[in-house]
Amino acid sequence: MSTSRIERVGHSLYSEMTTGDYSSPYHQRTSMDDVTDAGIYARESSYLDRHVQLGAASGRVLSVSFPDVPDDDAETNHPVLEQIFEYLDGLEEVHFEDVQVALTVPTDQRAVLEQVRQIPYGDQVDVDTLARMTGGLDHEDEEDLILVRTALDENPAPLLIPDHRVRDGPSAAPPAVEQKLRSLEGL
């Protein structure tokens, strides 16, 4: 994750905290104890043949990425990374609904991504169905379908927001990672 992305996301979170607008379930107030995990965390996955990297602040995940080489200052231990690696082990279903993701995207894209989080492990939908699942969108309106695809493509936290479960939409994860996640879930 580039420094400019961290600054933009951090600024957005600061704006939300100072205005008190926590209308999304992914933007809930956290105690000061949660602030201690701010940073970049990464670990190499032999299953994915690359690293899993996440940015976190204020008890929320800001981003998930899959670089070949992690950021130099990335630490290796974080509870969400532990969950991700349990998921990647594939021994049992792991769910991420307890992980708070800071969705710093436009409101209409946020609505789409919040619905993606509702797609159960091992299930998949298509873009048309995802548009139907998202309040205020018309699955027959091409602009709304473009909005759904844009939200998937700009997903800041693939895997935690499982865009790989939308079979005919783009994923923010690299194609090889997307295919391995789909394979892991039998999709």
C-alpha atoms as a PDB file:
ATOM      1  CA  MET A   1       0.000   0.000   0.000  1.00  0.00           C
ATOM      2  CA  SER A   2       1.511   3.322  -0.974  1.00  0.00           C
ATOM      3  CA  THR A   3       2.028   6.086   1.555  1.00  0.00           C
ATOM      4  CA  SER A   4      -0.391   8.348  -0.301  1.00  0.00           C
ATOM      5  CA  ARG A   5      -3.134   5.688   0.034  1.00  0.00           C
ATOM      6  CA  ILE A   6      -2.445   5.439   3.776  1.00  0.00           C
ATOM      7  CA  GLU A   7      -2.652   9.218   4.089  1.00  0.00           C
ATOM      8  CA  ARG A   8      -5.954   9.373   2.142  1.00  0.00           C
ATOM      9  CA  VAL A   9      -7.511   6.569   4.176  1.00  0.00           C
ATOM     10  CA  GLY A  10      -6.210   7.998   7.444  1.00  0.00           C
ATOM     11  CA  HIS A  11      -7.605  11.416   6.549  1.00  0.00           C
ATOM     12  CA  SER A  12     -11.006   9.878   5.745  1.00  0.00           C
ATOM     13  CA  LEU A  13     -11.069   8.035   9.066  1.00  0.00           C
ATOM     14  CA  TYR A  14     -10.051  11.210  10.902  1.00  0.00           C
ATOM     15  CA  SER A  15     -12.874  13.100   9.176  1.00  0.00           C
ATOM     16  CA  GLU A  16     -15.390  10.445  10.207  1.00  0.00           C
ATOM     17  CA  MET A  17     -14.134  10.429  13.780  1.00  0.00           C
ATOM     18  CA  THR A  18     -14.313  14.214  14.104  1.00  0.00           C
ATOM     19  CA  THR A  19     -17.745  14.530  12.492  1.00  0.00           C
ATOM     20  CA  GLY A  20     -19.172  11.545  14.370  1.00  0.00           C
ATOM     21  CA  ASP A  21     -20.682  10.035  11.214  1.00  0.00           C
ATOM     22  CA  TYR A  22     -20.573   6.296  11.864  1.00  0.00           C
ATOM     23  CA  SER A  23     -23.643   5.282   9.879  1.00  0.00           C
ATOM     24  CA  SER A  24     -22.097   2.098   8.500  1.00  0.00           C
ATOM     25  CA  PRO A  25     -21.660  -0.986  10.698  1.00  0.00           C
ATOM     26  CA  TYR A  26     -18.020  -0.979   9.536  1.00  0.00           C
ATOM     27  CA  HIS A  27     -17.475   2.499  10.971  1.00  0.00           C
ATOM     28  CA  GLN A  28     -18.262   1.977  14.648  1.00  0.00           C
ATOM     29  CA  ARG A  29     -16.539   3.845  17.444  1.00  0.00           C
ATOM     30  CA  THR A  30     -13.626   2.041  18.981  1.00  0.00           C
ATOM     31  CA  SER A  31     -11.894   2.503  22.304  1.00  0.00           C
ATOM     32  CA  MET A  32      -8.426   3.998  22.547  1.00  0.00           C
ATOM     33  CA  ASP A  33      -7.122   0.482  23.231  1.00  0.00           C
ATOM     34  CA  ASP A  34      -7.859  -0.401  19.609  1.00  0.00           C
ATOM     35  CA  VAL A  35      -5.538   2.296  18.248  1.00  0.00           C
ATOM     36  CA  THR A  36      -2.397   0.342  19.138  1.00  0.00           C
ATOM     37  CA  ASP A  37      -2.534  -1.889  16.043  1.00  0.00           C
ATOM     38  CA  ALA A  38      -1.961   0.925  13.524  1.00  0.00           C
ATOM     39  CA  GLY A  39       0.492  -0.141  10.881  1.00  0.00           C
ATOM     40  CA  ILE A  40       1.225  -2.438   7.984  1.00  0.00           C
ATOM     41  CA  TYR A  41       1.329  -6.189   8.503  1.00  0.00           C
ATOM     42  CA  ALA A  42       2.361  -8.907   6.070  1.00  0.00           C
ATOM     43  CA  ARG A  43       3.199 -12.567   5.910  1.00  0.00           C
ATOM     44  CA  GLU A  44       4.127 -14.877   3.059  1.00  0.00           C
ATOM     45  CA  SER A  45       1.535 -17.426   1.956  1.00  0.00           C
ATOM     46  CA  SER A  46       2.841 -20.603   0.366  1.00  0.00           C
ATOM     47  CA  TYR A  47      -0.697 -21.320  -0.887  1.00  0.00           C
ATOM     48  CA  LEU A  48      -0.948 -18.002  -2.748  1.00  0.00           C
ATOM     49  CA  ASP A  49       2.747 -17.883  -3.728  1.00  0.00           C
ATOM     50  CA  ARG A  50       2.895 -14.286  -2.514  1.00  0.00           C
ATOM     51  CA  HIS A  51       2.442 -12.187   0.586  1.00  0.00           C
ATOM     52  CA  VAL A  52      -0.786 -11.130   2.228  1.00  0.00           C
ATOM     53  CA  GLN A  53      -0.476  -7.544   3.431  1.00  0.00           C
ATOM     54  CA  LEU A  54      -2.938  -5.476   5.402  1.00  0.00           C
ATOM     55  CA  GLY A  55      -3.055  -1.940   6.644  1.00  0.00           C
ATOM     56  CA  ALA A  56      -4.804  -1.326   9.957  1.00  0.00           C
ATOM     57  CA  ALA A  57      -5.639   1.632  12.177  1.00  0.00           C
ATOM     58  CA  SER A  58      -8.056   2.318  15.011  1.00  0.00           C
ATOM     59  CA  GLY A  59      -9.074  -1.336  15.249  1.00  0.00           C
ATOM     60  CA  ARG A  60     -10.109  -1.472  11.587  1.00  0.00           C
ATOM     61  CA  VAL A  61      -8.579  -2.943   8.461  1.00  0.00           C
ATOM     62  CA  LEU A  62      -7.925  -0.255   5.866  1.00  0.00           C
ATOM     63  CA  SER A  63      -6.682  -2.476   3.068  1.00  0.00           C
ATOM     64  CA  VAL A  64      -5.694  -5.977   2.023  1.00  0.00           C
ATOM     65  CA  SER A  65      -3.262  -6.585  -0.820  1.00  0.00           C
ATOM     66  CA  PHE A  66      -1.198  -9.428  -2.217  1.00  0.00           C
ATOM     67  CA  PRO A  67       2.268  -8.113  -3.108  1.00  0.00           C
ATOM     68  CA  ASP A  68       5.181 -10.248  -4.233  1.00  0.00           C
ATOM     69  CA  VAL A  69       7.322  -8.319  -1.756  1.00  0.00           C
ATOM     70  CA  PRO A  70       5.784  -6.664   1.333  1.00  0.00           C
ATOM     71  CA  ASP A  71       6.503  -3.127   2.484  1.00  0.00           C
ATOM     72  CA  ASP A  72       9.861  -2.853   4.260  1.00  0.00           C
ATOM     73  CA  ASP A  73       8.286  -1.745   7.527  1.00  0.00           C
ATOM     74  CA  ALA A  74       5.585  -4.453   7.583  1.00  0.00           C
ATOM     75  CA  GLU A  75       5.253  -6.402  10.815  1.00  0.00           C
ATOM     76  CA  THR A  76       4.226 -10.071  10.806  1.00  0.00           C
ATOM     77  CA  ASN A  77       1.805 -10.428  13.732  1.00  0.00           C
ATOM     78  CA  HIS A  78      -1.765  -9.187  13.690  1.00  0.00           C
ATOM     79  CA  PRO A  79      -4.976 -10.993  14.739  1.00  0.00           C
ATOM     80  CA  VAL A  80      -6.586 -10.476  11.322  1.00  0.00           C
ATOM     81  CA  LEU A  81      -3.543 -11.994   9.610  1.00  0.00           C
ATOM     82  CA  GLU A  82      -3.966 -14.998  11.905  1.00  0.00           C
ATOM     83  CA  GLN A  83      -7.588 -15.367  10.745  1.00  0.00           C
ATOM     84  CA  ILE A  84      -6.596 -14.971   7.097  1.00  0.00           C
ATOM     85  CA  PHE A  85      -3.988 -17.706   7.385  1.00  0.00           C
ATOM     86  CA  GLU A  86      -6.476 -20.021   9.124  1.00  0.00           C
ATOM     87  CA  TYR A  87      -8.760 -19.405   6.133  1.00  0.00           C
ATOM     88  CA  LEU A  88      -5.933 -20.095   3.670  1.00  0.00           C
ATOM     89  CA  ASP A  89      -5.126 -23.365   5.461  1.00  0.00           C
ATOM     90  CA  GLY A  90      -8.513 -24.531   4.170  1.00  0.00           C
ATOM     91  CA  LEU A  91      -9.078 -26.938   7.055  1.00  0.00           C
ATOM     92  CA  GLU A  92     -12.361 -25.340   8.070  1.00  0.00           C
ATOM     93  CA  GLU A  93     -14.574 -22.430   7.089  1.00  0.00           C
ATOM     94  CA  VAL A  94     -13.345 -19.133   8.476  1.00  0.00           C
ATOM     95  CA  HIS A  95     -15.638 -16.120   8.489  1.00  0.00           C
ATOM     96  CA  PHE A  96     -14.596 -12.494   8.744  1.00  0.00           C
ATOM     97  CA  GLU A  97     -17.824 -10.798   9.843  1.00  0.00           C
ATOM     98  CA  ASP A  98     -16.208  -9.810  13.160  1.00  0.00           C
ATOM     99  CA  VAL A  99     -13.425  -7.938  11.345  1.00  0.00           C
ATOM    100  CA  GLN A 100     -14.137  -4.230  11.047  1.00  0.00           C
ATOM    101  CA  VAL A 101     -13.225  -2.888   7.625  1.00  0.00           C
ATOM    102  CA  ALA A 102     -12.921   0.859   7.145  1.00  0.00           C
ATOM    103  CA  LEU A 103     -14.773   1.328   3.880  1.00  0.00           C
ATOM    104  CA  THR A 104     -13.495   4.684   2.715  1.00  0.00           C
ATOM    105  CA  VAL A 105     -15.246   4.535  -0.651  1.00  0.00           C
ATOM    106  CA  PRO A 106     -18.218   6.485  -2.018  1.00  0.00           C
ATOM    107  CA  THR A 107     -21.534   5.646  -0.327  1.00  0.00           C
ATOM    108  CA  ASP A 108     -23.016   3.852  -3.353  1.00  0.00           C
ATOM    109  CA  GLN A 109     -19.927   1.633  -3.655  1.00  0.00           C
ATOM    110  CA  ARG A 110     -19.994   1.014   0.099  1.00  0.00           C
ATOM    111  CA  ALA A 111     -23.558  -0.302  -0.182  1.00  0.00           C
ATOM    112  CA  VAL A 112     -22.422  -2.804  -2.824  1.00  0.00           C
ATOM    113  CA  LEU A 113     -19.394  -3.944  -0.804  1.00  0.00           C
ATOM    114  CA  GLU A 114     -21.476  -4.349   2.346  1.00  0.00           C
ATOM    115  CA  GLN A 115     -23.684  -6.751   0.395  1.00  0.00           C
ATOM    116  CA  VAL A 116     -20.635  -8.657  -0.846  1.00  0.00           C
ATOM    117  CA  ARG A 117     -19.748  -9.280   2.810  1.00  0.00           C
ATOM    118  CA  GLN A 118     -23.111 -11.062   3.153  1.00  0.00           C
ATOM    119  CA  ILE A 119     -22.284 -13.726   0.530  1.00  0.00           C
ATOM    120  CA  PRO A 120     -21.579 -16.894   2.546  1.00  0.00           C
ATOM    121  CA  TYR A 121     -18.400 -18.940   2.325  1.00  0.00           C
ATOM    122  CA  GLY A 122     -18.663 -21.380  -0.589  1.00  0.00           C
ATOM    123  CA  ASP A 123     -21.521 -19.494  -2.294  1.00  0.00           C
ATOM    124  CA  GLN A 124     -21.321 -17.250  -5.304  1.00  0.00           C
ATOM    125  CA  VAL A 125     -23.536 -14.739  -7.069  1.00  0.00           C
ATOM    126  CA  ASP A 126     -23.318 -12.887 -10.344  1.00  0.00           C
ATOM    127  CA  VAL A 127     -23.196  -9.114 -10.870  1.00  0.00           C
ATOM    128  CA  ASP A 128     -26.916  -9.026 -11.693  1.00  0.00           C
ATOM    129  CA  THR A 129     -27.814 -10.742  -8.396  1.00  0.00           C
ATOM    130  CA  LEU A 130     -25.472  -8.472  -6.434  1.00  0.00           C
ATOM    131  CA  ALA A 131     -27.221  -5.435  -7.943  1.00  0.00           C
ATOM    132  CA  ARG A 132     -30.565  -6.903  -6.816  1.00  0.00           C
ATOM    133  CA  MET A 133     -29.171  -7.483  -3.314  1.00  0.00           C
ATOM    134  CA  THR A 134     -28.092  -3.840  -3.044  1.00  0.00           C
ATOM    135  CA  GLY A 135     -30.862  -1.451  -2.069  1.00  0.00           C
ATOM    136  CA  GLY A 136     -31.464   1.379  -4.506  1.00  0.00           C
ATOM    137  CA  LEU A 137     -29.902  -0.377  -7.497  1.00  0.00           C
ATOM    138  CA  ASP A 138     -31.731  -1.665 -10.554  1.00  0.00           C
ATOM    139  CA  HIS A 139     -30.254  -4.859 -11.996  1.00  0.00           C
ATOM    140  CA  GLU A 140     -31.589  -3.862 -15.425  1.00  0.00           C
ATOM    141  CA  ASP A 141     -29.894  -0.431 -15.413  1.00  0.00           C
ATOM    142  CA  GLU A 142     -26.497  -0.550 -17.128  1.00  0.00           C
ATOM    143  CA  GLU A 143     -25.189   2.352 -15.010  1.00  0.00           C
ATOM    144  CA  ASP A 144     -26.025   0.437 -11.842  1.00  0.00           C
ATOM    145  CA  LEU A 145     -24.249  -2.659 -13.166  1.00  0.00           C
ATOM    146  CA  ILE A 146     -21.209  -0.495 -13.946  1.00  0.00           C
ATOM    147  CA  LEU A 147     -21.374   0.823 -10.369  1.00  0.00           C
ATOM    148  CA  VAL A 148     -21.358  -2.753  -9.037  1.00  0.00           C
ATOM    149  CA  ARG A 149     -18.350  -3.667 -11.190  1.00  0.00           C
ATOM    150  CA  THR A 150     -16.523  -0.478 -10.159  1.00  0.00           C
ATOM    151  CA  ALA A 151     -17.121  -1.203  -6.463  1.00  0.00           C
ATOM    152  CA  LEU A 152     -15.732  -4.723  -6.892  1.00  0.00           C
ATOM    153  CA  ASP A 153     -12.714  -3.479  -8.827  1.00  0.00           C
ATOM    154  CA  GLU A 154     -11.933  -0.807  -6.207  1.00  0.00           C
ATOM    155  CA  ASN A 155     -12.563  -3.061  -3.197  1.00  0.00           C
ATOM    156  CA  PRO A 156      -9.957  -2.013  -0.605  1.00  0.00           C
ATOM    157  CA  ALA A 157      -9.999  -5.343   1.250  1.00  0.00           C
ATOM    158  CA  PRO A 158     -10.413  -8.337  -1.064  1.00  0.00           C
ATOM    159  CA  LEU A 159     -10.828 -11.593   0.846  1.00  0.00           C
ATOM    160  CA  LEU A 160     -12.348  -9.796   3.860  1.00  0.00           C
ATOM    161  CA  ILE A 161     -14.866  -8.360   1.404  1.00  0.00           C
ATOM    162  CA  PRO A 162     -15.005 -11.534  -0.706  1.00  0.00           C
ATOM    163  CA  ASP A 163     -15.320 -10.188  -4.241  1.00  0.00           C
ATOM    164  CA  HIS A 164     -14.010 -13.562  -5.466  1.00  0.00           C
ATOM    165  CA  ARG A 165     -17.547 -14.852  -4.726  1.00  0.00           C
ATOM    166  CA  VAL A 166     -18.962 -12.695  -7.554  1.00  0.00           C
ATOM    167  CA  ARG A 167     -18.329 -14.984 -10.479  1.00  0.00           C
ATOM    168  CA  ASP A 168     -18.656 -12.575 -13.419  1.00  0.00           C
ATOM    169  CA  GLY A 169     -17.362  -9.418 -11.776  1.00  0.00           C
ATOM    170  CA  PRO A 170     -13.858  -8.066 -11.411  1.00  0.00           C
ATOM    171  CA  SER A 171     -11.862  -8.708  -8.271  1.00  0.00           C
ATOM    172  CA  ALA A 172      -9.476  -6.286  -6.614  1.00  0.00           C
ATOM    173  CA  ALA A 173      -7.192  -9.273  -5.980  1.00  0.00           C
ATOM    174  CA  PRO A 174      -4.760 -10.349  -8.699  1.00  0.00           C
ATOM    175  CA  PRO A 175      -6.305 -12.977 -11.017  1.00  0.00           C
ATOM    176  CA  ALA A 176      -4.105 -15.807  -9.713  1.00  0.00           C
ATOM    177  CA  VAL A 177      -5.102 -14.992  -6.116  1.00  0.00           C
ATOM    178  CA  GLU A 178      -8.777 -14.735  -7.063  1.00  0.00           C
ATOM    179  CA  GLN A 179      -8.655 -18.196  -8.658  1.00  0.00           C
ATOM    180  CA  LYS A 180      -6.962 -19.738  -5.623  1.00  0.00           C
ATOM    181  CA  LEU A 181      -9.565 -18.211  -3.288  1.00  0.00           C
ATOM    182  CA  ARG A 182     -12.354 -19.548  -5.505  1.00  0.00           C
ATOM    183  CA  SER A 183     -10.709 -22.967  -5.574  1.00  0.00           C
ATOM    184  CA  LEU A 184     -10.292 -22.991  -1.798  1.00  0.00           C
ATOM    185  CA  GLU A 185     -14.056 -22.454  -1.419  1.00  0.00           C
ATOM    186  CA  GLY A 186     -14.986 -24.921  -4.168  1.00  0.00           C
ATOM    187  CA  LEU A 187     -16.354 -22.243  -6.511  1.00  0.00           C
END
